[in-house]
């Protein structure tokens, strides 16, 4: 059986108040990661844009590796900033979860016009990491089942992914290392959120990030018992409250 055709999931843009927030999603996921947070911020009178990284949220996880790359995702991030600037927004902040947080940090390093930003569960500075490889493969299999791929075709695709995903993870790690090297260039206020039961990113990475932001005012938040996706799990309400306070102060 071939891939079932479904409507592709795209970026979303909630145009509301005069202050704009970019939310970047995780590796192998999509803007759904941040939709709950985006709707909350919209109710708080922020304009919110959540772009889709190249290769993501298609029926085939091979697209992430074949179409995407850290360089393309960085270009997607730059395009998101340019989009909001083209809409006339002058006060823009940028945040991301997991991989998205890496690109949010790079944006703050490169663009001093950004008002502030931060990261949620992002391994920008790495303590011993857990297996992203295994998580990716589980997500890929679940996605193929969702799209009703035949078992034979699914097994073929999973074998290809098994043999190629580590190359992409190495590229991501190399890109992230360059972002980590330039963290002292961030001078804008920076928000860090970290679930202490994170099963993908070592929670200790968050404090390393905090300590490396030597020229930024850091708002640091830990969420006991919370797993990786703090934008949607049991920590999400506290995260929303903490981020709202951060943004209120940021845009004073």
C-alpha atoms as a PDB file:
ATOM      1  CA  UNK A   1       0.000   0.000   0.000  1.00  0.00           C
ATOM      2  CA  UNK A   2       1.305   3.441  -0.857  1.00  0.00           C
ATOM      3  CA  UNK A   3       1.257   6.506   1.354  1.00  0.00           C
ATOM      4  CA  UNK A   4      -2.198   7.753   2.261  1.00  0.00           C
ATOM      5  CA  UNK A   5      -2.716  11.329   1.150  1.00  0.00           C
ATOM      6  CA  UNK A   6      -3.509  13.690   3.997  1.00  0.00           C
ATOM      7  CA  UNK A   7      -3.455  17.432   4.298  1.00  0.00           C
ATOM      8  CA  UNK A   8       0.118  18.450   5.163  1.00  0.00           C
ATOM      9  CA  UNK A   9       0.640  20.233   8.449  1.00  0.00           C
ATOM     10  CA  UNK A  10       2.090  23.675   7.884  1.00  0.00           C
ATOM     11  CA  UNK A  11       3.295  26.674   9.812  1.00  0.00           C
ATOM     12  CA  UNK A  12       0.760  28.734  11.716  1.00  0.00           C
ATOM     13  CA  UNK A  13       0.509  32.459  12.290  1.00  0.00           C
ATOM     14  CA  UNK A  14      -1.735  34.028  14.919  1.00  0.00           C
ATOM     15  CA  UNK A  15      -1.804  37.776  14.293  1.00  0.00           C
ATOM     16  CA  UNK A  16      -2.850  39.609  17.421  1.00  0.00           C
ATOM     17  CA  UNK A  17      -0.951  42.169  19.501  1.00  0.00           C
ATOM     18  CA  UNK A  18       1.965  44.499  18.692  1.00  0.00           C
ATOM     19  CA  UNK A  19       4.641  42.219  20.189  1.00  0.00           C
ATOM     20  CA  UNK A  20       5.614  39.140  18.181  1.00  0.00           C
ATOM     21  CA  UNK A  21       6.866  35.741  19.338  1.00  0.00           C
ATOM     22  CA  UNK A  22       8.438  33.026  17.174  1.00  0.00           C
ATOM     23  CA  UNK A  23       8.109  29.440  18.433  1.00  0.00           C
ATOM     24  CA  UNK A  24      10.327  26.742  16.888  1.00  0.00           C
ATOM     25  CA  UNK A  25       9.454  23.053  17.086  1.00  0.00           C
ATOM     26  CA  UNK A  26      11.518  19.962  17.873  1.00  0.00           C
ATOM     27  CA  UNK A  27      13.425  17.580  15.592  1.00  0.00           C
ATOM     28  CA  UNK A  28      11.175  15.049  13.832  1.00  0.00           C
ATOM     29  CA  UNK A  29       8.035  16.833  15.005  1.00  0.00           C
ATOM     30  CA  UNK A  30       6.181  19.988  13.973  1.00  0.00           C
ATOM     31  CA  UNK A  31       4.416  23.185  15.063  1.00  0.00           C
ATOM     32  CA  UNK A  32       1.932  21.061  17.014  1.00  0.00           C
ATOM     33  CA  UNK A  33       4.665  21.035  19.694  1.00  0.00           C
ATOM     34  CA  UNK A  34       4.013  24.689  20.423  1.00  0.00           C
ATOM     35  CA  UNK A  35       0.387  25.188  19.407  1.00  0.00           C
ATOM     36  CA  UNK A  36      -0.929  25.029  22.966  1.00  0.00           C
ATOM     37  CA  UNK A  37       1.631  27.617  24.065  1.00  0.00           C
ATOM     38  CA  UNK A  38       0.893  29.734  20.999  1.00  0.00           C
ATOM     39  CA  UNK A  39      -2.830  29.863  21.747  1.00  0.00           C
ATOM     40  CA  UNK A  40      -2.059  30.852  25.326  1.00  0.00           C
ATOM     41  CA  UNK A  41       0.218  33.666  24.176  1.00  0.00           C
ATOM     42  CA  UNK A  42      -2.371  34.800  21.656  1.00  0.00           C
ATOM     43  CA  UNK A  43      -4.875  35.149  24.490  1.00  0.00           C
ATOM     44  CA  UNK A  44      -2.235  37.246  26.239  1.00  0.00           C
ATOM     45  CA  UNK A  45      -2.281  39.583  23.201  1.00  0.00           C
ATOM     46  CA  UNK A  46       0.915  38.425  21.480  1.00  0.00           C
ATOM     47  CA  UNK A  47       1.289  37.755  17.784  1.00  0.00           C
ATOM     48  CA  UNK A  48       2.729  34.259  17.355  1.00  0.00           C
ATOM     49  CA  UNK A  49       4.412  32.596  14.389  1.00  0.00           C
ATOM     50  CA  UNK A  50       5.453  28.933  14.385  1.00  0.00           C
ATOM     51  CA  UNK A  51       7.251  27.953  11.170  1.00  0.00           C
ATOM     52  CA  UNK A  52       7.633  24.396   9.895  1.00  0.00           C
ATOM     53  CA  UNK A  53      11.196  23.153   9.470  1.00  0.00           C
ATOM     54  CA  UNK A  54      12.027  21.795   6.013  1.00  0.00           C
ATOM     55  CA  UNK A  55      11.334  18.070   5.579  1.00  0.00           C
ATOM     56  CA  UNK A  56       9.152  17.768   8.667  1.00  0.00           C
ATOM     57  CA  UNK A  57       5.529  16.660   9.137  1.00  0.00           C
ATOM     58  CA  UNK A  58       5.257  14.688   5.914  1.00  0.00           C
ATOM     59  CA  UNK A  59       4.089  11.067   5.669  1.00  0.00           C
ATOM     60  CA  UNK A  60       7.702   9.935   5.248  1.00  0.00           C
ATOM     61  CA  UNK A  61      10.398  10.458   7.885  1.00  0.00           C
ATOM     62  CA  UNK A  62      12.987   9.991   5.145  1.00  0.00           C
ATOM     63  CA  UNK A  63      12.112  13.541   4.070  1.00  0.00           C
ATOM     64  CA  UNK A  64      13.623  14.891   7.291  1.00  0.00           C
ATOM     65  CA  UNK A  65      17.002  13.435   6.371  1.00  0.00           C
ATOM     66  CA  UNK A  66      16.813  13.881   2.593  1.00  0.00           C
ATOM     67  CA  UNK A  67      15.290  17.370   2.428  1.00  0.00           C
ATOM     68  CA  UNK A  68      16.362  18.847   5.743  1.00  0.00           C
ATOM     69  CA  UNK A  69      19.668  19.847   7.292  1.00  0.00           C
ATOM     70  CA  UNK A  70      20.823  22.152  10.087  1.00  0.00           C
ATOM     71  CA  UNK A  71      21.682  24.738   7.446  1.00  0.00           C
ATOM     72  CA  UNK A  72      18.198  24.581   5.926  1.00  0.00           C
ATOM     73  CA  UNK A  73      16.561  24.781   9.344  1.00  0.00           C
ATOM     74  CA  UNK A  74      18.673  27.800  10.155  1.00  0.00           C
ATOM     75  CA  UNK A  75      17.499  29.349   6.884  1.00  0.00           C
ATOM     76  CA  UNK A  76      13.909  28.545   7.926  1.00  0.00           C
ATOM     77  CA  UNK A  77      14.559  30.380  11.194  1.00  0.00           C
ATOM     78  CA  UNK A  78      15.949  33.419   9.401  1.00  0.00           C
ATOM     79  CA  UNK A  79      12.951  33.392   7.060  1.00  0.00           C
ATOM     80  CA  UNK A  80      10.591  33.391  10.050  1.00  0.00           C
ATOM     81  CA  UNK A  81      12.281  36.467  11.489  1.00  0.00           C
ATOM     82  CA  UNK A  82      12.194  38.180   8.095  1.00  0.00           C
ATOM     83  CA  UNK A  83       8.498  37.324   7.730  1.00  0.00           C
ATOM     84  CA  UNK A  84       7.577  39.088  10.972  1.00  0.00           C
ATOM     85  CA  UNK A  85       9.779  42.061  10.150  1.00  0.00           C
ATOM     86  CA  UNK A  86       8.027  42.304   6.772  1.00  0.00           C
ATOM     87  CA  UNK A  87       4.733  42.492   8.665  1.00  0.00           C
ATOM     88  CA  UNK A  88       6.045  45.545  10.487  1.00  0.00           C
ATOM     89  CA  UNK A  89       6.892  43.979  13.839  1.00  0.00           C
ATOM     90  CA  UNK A  90       9.857  45.612  15.528  1.00  0.00           C
ATOM     91  CA  UNK A  91       9.709  43.820  18.886  1.00  0.00           C
ATOM     92  CA  UNK A  92      10.311  40.137  18.179  1.00  0.00           C
ATOM     93  CA  UNK A  93      11.340  37.398  20.587  1.00  0.00           C
ATOM     94  CA  UNK A  94      12.233  33.821  19.632  1.00  0.00           C
ATOM     95  CA  UNK A  95      11.947  30.549  21.543  1.00  0.00           C
ATOM     96  CA  UNK A  96      12.259  26.887  20.684  1.00  0.00           C
ATOM     97  CA  UNK A  97      11.795  23.457  22.169  1.00  0.00           C
ATOM     98  CA  UNK A  98      14.580  20.883  21.891  1.00  0.00           C
ATOM     99  CA  UNK A  99      16.261  21.373  18.488  1.00  0.00           C
ATOM    100  CA  UNK A 100      14.195  24.517  17.984  1.00  0.00           C
ATOM    101  CA  UNK A 101      15.911  26.032  20.998  1.00  0.00           C
ATOM    102  CA  UNK A 102      19.273  25.635  19.298  1.00  0.00           C
ATOM    103  CA  UNK A 103      18.106  27.776  16.395  1.00  0.00           C
ATOM    104  CA  UNK A 104      16.506  30.304  18.750  1.00  0.00           C
ATOM    105  CA  UNK A 105      19.861  30.678  20.505  1.00  0.00           C
ATOM    106  CA  UNK A 106      21.701  31.102  17.211  1.00  0.00           C
ATOM    107  CA  UNK A 107      19.194  33.749  16.141  1.00  0.00           C
ATOM    108  CA  UNK A 108      19.870  35.699  19.329  1.00  0.00           C
ATOM    109  CA  UNK A 109      23.611  35.413  18.715  1.00  0.00           C
ATOM    110  CA  UNK A 110      23.299  36.689  15.157  1.00  0.00           C
ATOM    111  CA  UNK A 111      20.530  39.302  15.381  1.00  0.00           C
ATOM    112  CA  UNK A 112      20.885  41.951  18.112  1.00  0.00           C
ATOM    113  CA  UNK A 113      17.581  43.477  16.993  1.00  0.00           C
ATOM    114  CA  UNK A 114      15.695  40.546  18.539  1.00  0.00           C
ATOM    115  CA  UNK A 115      14.234  41.580  21.883  1.00  0.00           C
ATOM    116  CA  UNK A 116      14.907  38.296  23.695  1.00  0.00           C
ATOM    117  CA  UNK A 117      14.165  34.606  23.629  1.00  0.00           C
ATOM    118  CA  UNK A 118      15.014  31.240  25.048  1.00  0.00           C
ATOM    119  CA  UNK A 119      14.857  27.478  24.917  1.00  0.00           C
ATOM    120  CA  UNK A 120      12.888  24.612  26.423  1.00  0.00           C
ATOM    121  CA  UNK A 121      14.653  21.273  26.904  1.00  0.00           C
ATOM    122  CA  UNK A 122      17.417  22.135  24.449  1.00  0.00           C
ATOM    123  CA  UNK A 123      20.788  20.311  24.467  1.00  0.00           C
ATOM    124  CA  UNK A 124      22.829  23.337  23.413  1.00  0.00           C
ATOM    125  CA  UNK A 125      25.467  22.369  25.935  1.00  0.00           C
ATOM    126  CA  UNK A 126      25.653  18.641  26.350  1.00  0.00           C
ATOM    127  CA  UNK A 127      25.998  16.492  29.379  1.00  0.00           C
ATOM    128  CA  UNK A 128      25.718  12.750  28.722  1.00  0.00           C
ATOM    129  CA  UNK A 129      22.784  12.495  26.343  1.00  0.00           C
ATOM    130  CA  UNK A 130      20.099   9.871  26.055  1.00  0.00           C
ATOM    131  CA  UNK A 131      19.346   8.073  22.791  1.00  0.00           C
ATOM    132  CA  UNK A 132      17.799  10.396  20.233  1.00  0.00           C
ATOM    133  CA  UNK A 133      18.410   7.641  17.665  1.00  0.00           C
ATOM    134  CA  UNK A 134      15.995   5.229  19.340  1.00  0.00           C
ATOM    135  CA  UNK A 135      13.391   7.927  19.906  1.00  0.00           C
ATOM    136  CA  UNK A 136      13.576   8.957  16.239  1.00  0.00           C
ATOM    137  CA  UNK A 137      13.099   5.375  15.075  1.00  0.00           C
ATOM    138  CA  UNK A 138      10.069   4.858  17.327  1.00  0.00           C
ATOM    139  CA  UNK A 139       8.516   8.075  16.043  1.00  0.00           C
ATOM    140  CA  UNK A 140       9.196   7.075  12.438  1.00  0.00           C
ATOM    141  CA  UNK A 141       7.495   3.702  12.875  1.00  0.00           C
ATOM    142  CA  UNK A 142       4.488   5.308  14.548  1.00  0.00           C
ATOM    143  CA  UNK A 143       4.238   7.814  11.693  1.00  0.00           C
ATOM    144  CA  UNK A 144       4.294   5.085   9.026  1.00  0.00           C
ATOM    145  CA  UNK A 145       1.585   3.186  10.878  1.00  0.00           C
ATOM    146  CA  UNK A 146      -0.475   6.370  11.077  1.00  0.00           C
ATOM    147  CA  UNK A 147      -0.253   6.790   7.314  1.00  0.00           C
ATOM    148  CA  UNK A 148      -1.112   3.128   6.639  1.00  0.00           C
ATOM    149  CA  UNK A 149       2.166   2.152   4.997  1.00  0.00           C
ATOM    150  CA  UNK A 150       2.403  -1.563   4.183  1.00  0.00           C
ATOM    151  CA  UNK A 151       4.612  -3.612   6.487  1.00  0.00           C
ATOM    152  CA  UNK A 152       7.084  -4.425   3.722  1.00  0.00           C
ATOM    153  CA  UNK A 153       7.445  -0.796   2.641  1.00  0.00           C
ATOM    154  CA  UNK A 154       7.652   0.368   6.234  1.00  0.00           C
ATOM    155  CA  UNK A 155      10.409  -2.105   7.062  1.00  0.00           C
ATOM    156  CA  UNK A 156      12.377  -0.975   4.012  1.00  0.00           C
ATOM    157  CA  UNK A 157      12.086   2.670   5.022  1.00  0.00           C
ATOM    158  CA  UNK A 158      12.965   1.926   8.641  1.00  0.00           C
ATOM    159  CA  UNK A 159      16.075   0.061   7.535  1.00  0.00           C
ATOM    160  CA  UNK A 160      17.153   3.078   5.467  1.00  0.00           C
ATOM    161  CA  UNK A 161      16.524   5.412   8.399  1.00  0.00           C
ATOM    162  CA  UNK A 162      18.432   3.116  10.758  1.00  0.00           C
ATOM    163  CA  UNK A 163      21.451   3.407   8.479  1.00  0.00           C
ATOM    164  CA  UNK A 164      21.270   7.176   7.929  1.00  0.00           C
ATOM    165  CA  UNK A 165      19.849   8.946  10.980  1.00  0.00           C
ATOM    166  CA  UNK A 166      23.147   8.932  12.884  1.00  0.00           C
ATOM    167  CA  UNK A 167      24.777  10.954  10.106  1.00  0.00           C
ATOM    168  CA  UNK A 168      22.125  13.641  10.578  1.00  0.00           C
ATOM    169  CA  UNK A 169      22.479  13.529  14.354  1.00  0.00           C
ATOM    170  CA  UNK A 170      26.217  14.098  13.933  1.00  0.00           C
ATOM    171  CA  UNK A 171      25.543  17.101  11.692  1.00  0.00           C
ATOM    172  CA  UNK A 172      23.136  18.486  14.270  1.00  0.00           C
ATOM    173  CA  UNK A 173      25.694  17.966  17.042  1.00  0.00           C
ATOM    174  CA  UNK A 174      28.374  19.772  15.025  1.00  0.00           C
ATOM    175  CA  UNK A 175      26.014  22.671  14.302  1.00  0.00           C
ATOM    176  CA  UNK A 176      24.987  22.852  17.950  1.00  0.00           C
ATOM    177  CA  UNK A 177      28.633  22.986  19.033  1.00  0.00           C
ATOM    178  CA  UNK A 178      29.140  26.149  16.976  1.00  0.00           C
ATOM    179  CA  UNK A 179      26.085  27.703  18.629  1.00  0.00           C
ATOM    180  CA  UNK A 180      27.470  26.786  22.056  1.00  0.00           C
ATOM    181  CA  UNK A 181      30.795  28.434  21.221  1.00  0.00           C
ATOM    182  CA  UNK A 182      29.071  31.780  20.625  1.00  0.00           C
ATOM    183  CA  UNK A 183      26.710  31.886  23.619  1.00  0.00           C
ATOM    184  CA  UNK A 184      28.622  34.828  25.181  1.00  0.00           C
ATOM    185  CA  UNK A 185      27.455  36.897  22.186  1.00  0.00           C
ATOM    186  CA  UNK A 186      23.872  36.763  23.477  1.00  0.00           C
ATOM    187  CA  UNK A 187      23.084  39.948  25.384  1.00  0.00           C
ATOM    188  CA  UNK A 188      19.284  39.821  25.302  1.00  0.00           C
ATOM    189  CA  UNK A 189      17.224  38.380  28.180  1.00  0.00           C
ATOM    190  CA  UNK A 190      17.079  34.579  27.890  1.00  0.00           C
ATOM    191  CA  UNK A 191      14.487  32.114  29.228  1.00  0.00           C
ATOM    192  CA  UNK A 192      15.416  28.504  30.034  1.00  0.00           C
ATOM    193  CA  UNK A 193      12.795  25.860  30.810  1.00  0.00           C
ATOM    194  CA  UNK A 194      13.755  22.275  31.654  1.00  0.00           C
ATOM    195  CA  UNK A 195      11.770  19.226  32.708  1.00  0.00           C
ATOM    196  CA  UNK A 196      13.683  17.331  35.376  1.00  0.00           C
ATOM    197  CA  UNK A 197      12.352  13.964  34.176  1.00  0.00           C
ATOM    198  CA  UNK A 198      13.427  14.643  30.570  1.00  0.00           C
ATOM    199  CA  UNK A 199      13.923  11.297  28.840  1.00  0.00           C
ATOM    200  CA  UNK A 200      15.657  12.719  25.737  1.00  0.00           C
ATOM    201  CA  UNK A 201      17.858  15.592  26.905  1.00  0.00           C
ATOM    202  CA  UNK A 202      19.914  15.284  30.070  1.00  0.00           C
ATOM    203  CA  UNK A 203      18.346  17.792  32.502  1.00  0.00           C
ATOM    204  CA  UNK A 204      21.830  18.839  33.579  1.00  0.00           C
ATOM    205  CA  UNK A 205      22.325  20.453  30.177  1.00  0.00           C
ATOM    206  CA  UNK A 206      20.053  23.328  31.210  1.00  0.00           C
ATOM    207  CA  UNK A 207      22.253  24.511  34.065  1.00  0.00           C
ATOM    208  CA  UNK A 208      25.312  24.307  31.815  1.00  0.00           C
ATOM    209  CA  UNK A 209      23.502  26.558  29.348  1.00  0.00           C
ATOM    210  CA  UNK A 210      22.553  28.991  32.098  1.00  0.00           C
ATOM    211  CA  UNK A 211      26.142  29.229  33.307  1.00  0.00           C
ATOM    212  CA  UNK A 212      27.434  29.838  29.771  1.00  0.00           C
ATOM    213  CA  UNK A 213      25.132  32.794  29.087  1.00  0.00           C
ATOM    214  CA  UNK A 214      27.591  35.107  30.780  1.00  0.00           C
ATOM    215  CA  UNK A 215      26.346  38.310  29.129  1.00  0.00           C
ATOM    216  CA  UNK A 216      22.599  37.670  29.276  1.00  0.00           C
ATOM    217  CA  UNK A 217      20.041  38.079  32.021  1.00  0.00           C
ATOM    218  CA  UNK A 218      18.768  34.510  32.425  1.00  0.00           C
ATOM    219  CA  UNK A 219      15.345  33.462  33.689  1.00  0.00           C
ATOM    220  CA  UNK A 220      15.860  29.824  34.721  1.00  0.00           C
ATOM    221  CA  UNK A 221      13.013  27.402  35.402  1.00  0.00           C
ATOM    222  CA  UNK A 222      12.993  23.711  36.300  1.00  0.00           C
ATOM    223  CA  UNK A 223       9.853  21.565  36.235  1.00  0.00           C
ATOM    224  CA  UNK A 224      10.073  18.583  38.623  1.00  0.00           C
ATOM    225  CA  UNK A 225       8.610  15.358  37.273  1.00  0.00           C
ATOM    226  CA  UNK A 226       8.143  16.780  33.770  1.00  0.00           C
ATOM    227  CA  UNK A 227       9.396  14.897  30.718  1.00  0.00           C
ATOM    228  CA  UNK A 228      10.877  16.368  27.536  1.00  0.00           C
ATOM    229  CA  UNK A 229       7.919  18.101  25.888  1.00  0.00           C
ATOM    230  CA  UNK A 230       7.138  20.691  28.549  1.00  0.00           C
ATOM    231  CA  UNK A 231       5.034  22.709  26.101  1.00  0.00           C
ATOM    232  CA  UNK A 232       2.372  19.974  26.093  1.00  0.00           C
ATOM    233  CA  UNK A 233       2.878  17.778  29.167  1.00  0.00           C
ATOM    234  CA  UNK A 234       1.894  18.365  32.790  1.00  0.00           C
ATOM    235  CA  UNK A 235       4.332  21.284  33.065  1.00  0.00           C
ATOM    236  CA  UNK A 236       2.707  23.296  30.292  1.00  0.00           C
ATOM    237  CA  UNK A 237       0.535  25.514  32.490  1.00  0.00           C
ATOM    238  CA  UNK A 238       3.423  26.471  34.751  1.00  0.00           C
ATOM    239  CA  UNK A 239       5.622  27.057  31.698  1.00  0.00           C
ATOM    240  CA  UNK A 240       2.957  29.306  30.200  1.00  0.00           C
ATOM    241  CA  UNK A 241       2.737  31.319  33.409  1.00  0.00           C
ATOM    242  CA  UNK A 242       6.515  31.615  33.733  1.00  0.00           C
ATOM    243  CA  UNK A 243       6.926  32.630  30.104  1.00  0.00           C
ATOM    244  CA  UNK A 244       4.112  35.159  30.367  1.00  0.00           C
ATOM    245  CA  UNK A 245       5.898  36.854  33.271  1.00  0.00           C
ATOM    246  CA  UNK A 246       9.157  36.821  31.321  1.00  0.00           C
ATOM    247  CA  UNK A 247       7.533  38.390  28.257  1.00  0.00           C
ATOM    248  CA  UNK A 248       5.706  41.019  30.306  1.00  0.00           C
ATOM    249  CA  UNK A 249       9.015  42.181  31.731  1.00  0.00           C
ATOM    250  CA  UNK A 250      10.759  41.838  28.366  1.00  0.00           C
ATOM    251  CA  UNK A 251       8.307  44.142  26.614  1.00  0.00           C
ATOM    252  CA  UNK A 252       7.970  46.745  29.384  1.00  0.00           C
END
